Amino acid sequence: MTILEFFAVLNGVVYLGFISFHKRMGWIFGCLSSALYVLICWQQSLFIQSGLQFLYIVLGIIGYVNWNKQHEISIYRMSLKMHLTLLILGLILSLFLGKLMSMTSQDLPFLDTTISVFSIVATILATRSILENWYYWIFVNLFSIFLFAFQGLQITAFLYAVYLFGSIFGLYNWKKMIQSNTQVLDQ
């Protein structure tokens, strides 16, 4: 473990804590963690993950701004139709990008692209305060544990184990917060 990885993990844990309680300050720590992971992933030849971390910075800024606009905590639900659409499109994009990346020196290209695609989906859902982002994060975190352990980044794999449990907690906590205030997005 490097000092860079340690601070990336630390900021990631703080990010998850704030986001689990729907606190916008979490996005700042998420951006800091992601900035460090851009470098870490590039050094480990996880180019898609490096690009994903950069995108997390952009989405973190969007999340911070979007959550600032909210005068009260509003958490939304997503329709089954929207879930199926996201799953099908995500899988198609993952296969396409995985095939492209398999032609490079990228390690575990299909796993990396699948994690990346669904991480983007989950982050976009989180920036819009959609409850179901947590289901996507549970899936992403499970597979990320394997990816980073395989790359020898054990402390990062541990972070994703913490993220996994944090995602389960976030899902539980957000469900509690929306018991009386639910809207379904049917886009």
Protein backbone atom coordinates (compact mmCIF):
# COMPACT_ATOMS: atom_id res chain seq x y z
CA MET A 1 0.00 0.00 0.00
CA THR A 2 1.25 3.44 -0.90
CA ILE A 3 0.49 6.70 0.85
CA LEU A 4 -1.47 7.68 -2.26
CA GLU A 5 -3.65 4.57 -1.95
CA PHE A 6 -4.12 5.15 1.79
CA PHE A 7 -5.44 8.69 1.26
CA ALA A 8 -7.62 7.55 -1.64
CA VAL A 9 -9.17 4.90 0.61
CA LEU A 10 -9.59 7.30 3.52
CA ASN A 11 -11.40 9.86 1.37
CA GLY A 12 -13.51 7.08 -0.16
CA VAL A 13 -14.70 5.90 3.25
CA VAL A 14 -15.57 9.45 4.32
CA TYR A 15 -17.42 9.93 1.01
CA LEU A 16 -19.53 6.83 1.58
CA GLY A 17 -20.40 7.86 5.11
CA PHE A 18 -21.73 11.24 4.03
CA ILE A 19 -23.57 9.91 0.97
CA SER A 20 -25.24 7.16 3.03
CA PHE A 21 -26.89 9.91 5.06
CA HIS A 22 -27.67 11.96 1.93
CA LYS A 23 -25.19 14.72 2.86
CA ARG A 24 -23.80 16.67 -0.06
CA MET A 25 -20.38 17.14 1.61
CA GLY A 26 -19.70 13.53 0.61
CA TRP A 27 -19.25 14.52 -3.01
CA ILE A 28 -16.15 16.57 -2.11
CA PHE A 29 -14.46 13.57 -0.51
CA GLY A 30 -15.54 11.38 -3.42
CA CYS A 31 -13.84 13.79 -5.83
CA LEU A 32 -10.63 13.76 -3.75
CA SER A 33 -10.61 9.97 -3.62
CA SER A 34 -11.23 9.70 -7.35
CA ALA A 35 -8.45 12.17 -8.19
CA LEU A 36 -5.99 9.95 -6.34
CA TYR A 37 -7.37 6.81 -7.97
CA VAL A 38 -6.86 8.28 -11.45
CA LEU A 39 -3.13 8.03 -10.78
CA ILE A 40 -3.24 4.71 -8.94
CA CYS A 41 -5.27 2.93 -11.62
CA TRP A 42 -3.12 4.30 -14.43
CA GLN A 43 -0.01 2.97 -12.68
CA GLN A 44 -1.67 -0.47 -12.43
CA SER A 45 -2.60 -0.61 -16.16
CA LEU A 46 -6.29 -0.29 -15.37
CA PHE A 47 -6.89 2.34 -18.00
CA ILE A 48 -10.68 2.08 -18.03
CA GLN A 49 -10.73 2.40 -14.23
CA SER A 50 -8.47 5.43 -14.48
CA GLY A 51 -10.86 7.05 -16.95
CA LEU A 52 -13.78 6.06 -14.75
CA GLN A 53 -12.20 7.75 -11.75
CA PHE A 54 -11.81 10.93 -13.80
CA LEU A 55 -15.48 10.71 -14.76
CA TYR A 56 -16.31 10.28 -11.05
CA ILE A 57 -14.72 13.67 -10.43
CA VAL A 58 -17.02 15.27 -13.02
CA LEU A 59 -20.06 13.40 -11.69
CA GLY A 60 -19.08 14.30 -8.13
CA ILE A 61 -19.19 17.97 -9.04
CA ILE A 62 -22.59 17.44 -10.67
CA GLY A 63 -23.80 15.56 -7.58
CA TYR A 64 -22.61 18.34 -5.31
CA VAL A 65 -24.39 20.98 -7.40
CA ASN A 66 -27.59 18.91 -7.78
CA TRP A 67 -27.80 18.15 -4.08
CA ASN A 68 -27.25 21.84 -3.31
CA LYS A 69 -30.36 22.70 -5.30
CA GLN A 70 -32.51 20.52 -3.08
CA HIS A 71 -34.24 22.44 -0.31
CA GLU A 72 -35.42 19.26 1.33
CA ILE A 73 -34.28 15.68 1.09
CA SER A 74 -36.00 14.09 -1.88
CA ILE A 75 -35.18 10.54 -2.82
CA TYR A 76 -36.84 9.07 -5.87
CA ARG A 77 -37.69 5.55 -7.08
CA MET A 78 -37.04 4.18 -10.54
CA SER A 79 -39.50 2.09 -12.53
CA LEU A 80 -38.88 -1.54 -13.48
CA LYS A 81 -38.97 -0.52 -17.14
CA MET A 82 -36.12 1.92 -16.53
CA HIS A 83 -34.15 -0.78 -14.67
CA LEU A 84 -34.46 -3.21 -17.54
CA THR A 85 -33.46 -0.56 -20.05
CA LEU A 86 -30.36 0.38 -18.03
CA LEU A 87 -29.38 -3.26 -17.53
CA ILE A 88 -29.69 -4.19 -21.22
CA LEU A 89 -27.89 -1.06 -22.46
CA GLY A 90 -25.22 -1.45 -19.78
CA LEU A 91 -24.52 -5.07 -20.69
CA ILE A 92 -24.34 -4.30 -24.41
CA LEU A 93 -21.96 -1.38 -23.81
CA SER A 94 -19.87 -3.50 -21.41
CA LEU A 95 -19.45 -6.27 -24.00
CA PHE A 96 -18.57 -3.78 -26.74
CA LEU A 97 -16.00 -1.92 -24.62
CA GLY A 98 -14.63 -5.17 -23.22
CA LYS A 99 -14.01 -6.44 -26.74
CA LEU A 100 -12.23 -3.20 -27.66
CA MET A 101 -10.10 -3.25 -24.53
CA SER A 102 -9.21 -6.92 -25.01
CA MET A 103 -7.15 -5.76 -27.99
CA THR A 104 -4.90 -3.74 -25.67
CA SER A 105 -2.69 -4.58 -22.70
CA GLN A 106 -5.67 -3.89 -20.40
CA ASP A 107 -5.94 -6.41 -17.57
CA LEU A 108 -9.33 -8.17 -17.20
CA PRO A 109 -10.98 -6.05 -19.89
CA PHE A 110 -14.53 -7.44 -19.68
CA LEU A 111 -14.65 -7.27 -15.90
CA ASP A 112 -13.15 -3.78 -15.86
CA THR A 113 -15.52 -2.41 -18.48
CA THR A 114 -18.59 -3.98 -16.84
CA ILE A 115 -17.63 -2.47 -13.49
CA SER A 116 -16.97 0.87 -15.17
CA VAL A 117 -20.21 1.02 -17.15
CA PHE A 118 -22.38 0.12 -14.18
CA SER A 119 -20.40 2.45 -11.91
CA ILE A 120 -21.30 5.29 -14.23
CA VAL A 121 -24.94 4.23 -14.16
CA ALA A 122 -24.90 4.02 -10.34
CA THR A 123 -23.20 7.40 -9.98
CA ILE A 124 -25.64 9.13 -12.30
CA LEU A 125 -28.52 7.62 -10.33
CA ALA A 126 -26.89 8.80 -7.08
CA THR A 127 -26.47 12.35 -8.39
CA ARG A 128 -30.22 12.36 -9.06
CA SER A 129 -31.00 10.90 -5.59
CA ILE A 130 -32.51 7.72 -7.01
CA LEU A 131 -32.75 4.97 -4.41
CA GLU A 132 -31.88 2.16 -6.79
CA ASN A 133 -28.33 3.45 -7.19
CA TRP A 134 -27.50 1.32 -4.15
CA TYR A 135 -28.48 -1.93 -5.91
CA TYR A 136 -26.07 -1.11 -8.72
CA TRP A 137 -23.36 -0.24 -6.19
CA ILE A 138 -23.78 -3.58 -4.43
CA PHE A 139 -23.13 -5.38 -7.72
CA VAL A 140 -20.24 -3.08 -8.68
CA ASN A 141 -18.57 -3.37 -5.29
CA LEU A 142 -18.71 -7.17 -5.28
CA PHE A 143 -16.92 -7.38 -8.61
CA SER A 144 -14.51 -4.55 -7.76
CA ILE A 145 -13.23 -6.49 -4.75
CA PHE A 146 -12.08 -9.23 -7.11
CA LEU A 147 -10.63 -6.83 -9.71
CA PHE A 148 -8.47 -4.89 -7.28
CA ALA A 149 -7.37 -7.96 -5.31
CA PHE A 150 -6.28 -9.54 -8.61
CA GLN A 151 -4.23 -6.40 -9.34
CA GLY A 152 -2.48 -6.64 -5.97
CA LEU A 153 -4.24 -3.60 -4.53
CA GLN A 154 -5.43 -5.32 -1.36
CA ILE A 155 -6.20 -2.14 0.57
CA THR A 156 -8.31 -0.95 -2.35
CA ALA A 157 -10.04 -4.33 -2.46
CA PHE A 158 -10.70 -3.82 1.26
CA LEU A 159 -12.13 -0.37 0.47
CA TYR A 160 -14.58 -1.98 -1.94
CA ALA A 161 -15.55 -4.47 0.77
CA VAL A 162 -16.27 -1.48 3.02
CA TYR A 163 -18.17 0.08 0.08
CA LEU A 164 -20.17 -3.13 -0.24
CA PHE A 165 -21.32 -2.99 3.36
CA GLY A 166 -21.77 0.77 3.07
CA SER A 167 -23.97 0.25 0.00
CA ILE A 168 -26.15 -2.15 1.92
CA PHE A 169 -26.37 0.40 4.76
CA GLY A 170 -27.02 3.26 2.31
CA LEU A 171 -29.87 1.29 0.73
CA TYR A 172 -31.36 0.59 4.14
CA ASN A 173 -30.96 4.20 5.29
CA TRP A 174 -32.37 5.76 2.12
CA LYS A 175 -35.35 3.38 2.27
CA LYS A 176 -36.04 4.61 5.79
CA MET A 177 -35.85 8.23 4.61
CA ILE A 178 -38.39 7.75 1.81
CA GLN A 179 -41.08 5.81 3.66
CA SER A 180 -43.49 8.72 3.36
CA ASN A 181 -42.03 10.67 0.44
CA THR A 182 -41.69 8.51 -2.69
CA GLN A 183 -41.87 9.47 -6.34
CA VAL A 184 -41.38 7.03 -9.20
CA LEU A 185 -39.39 8.16 -12.21
CA ASP A 186 -40.88 6.55 -15.28
CA GLN A 187 -38.60 7.78 -18.01
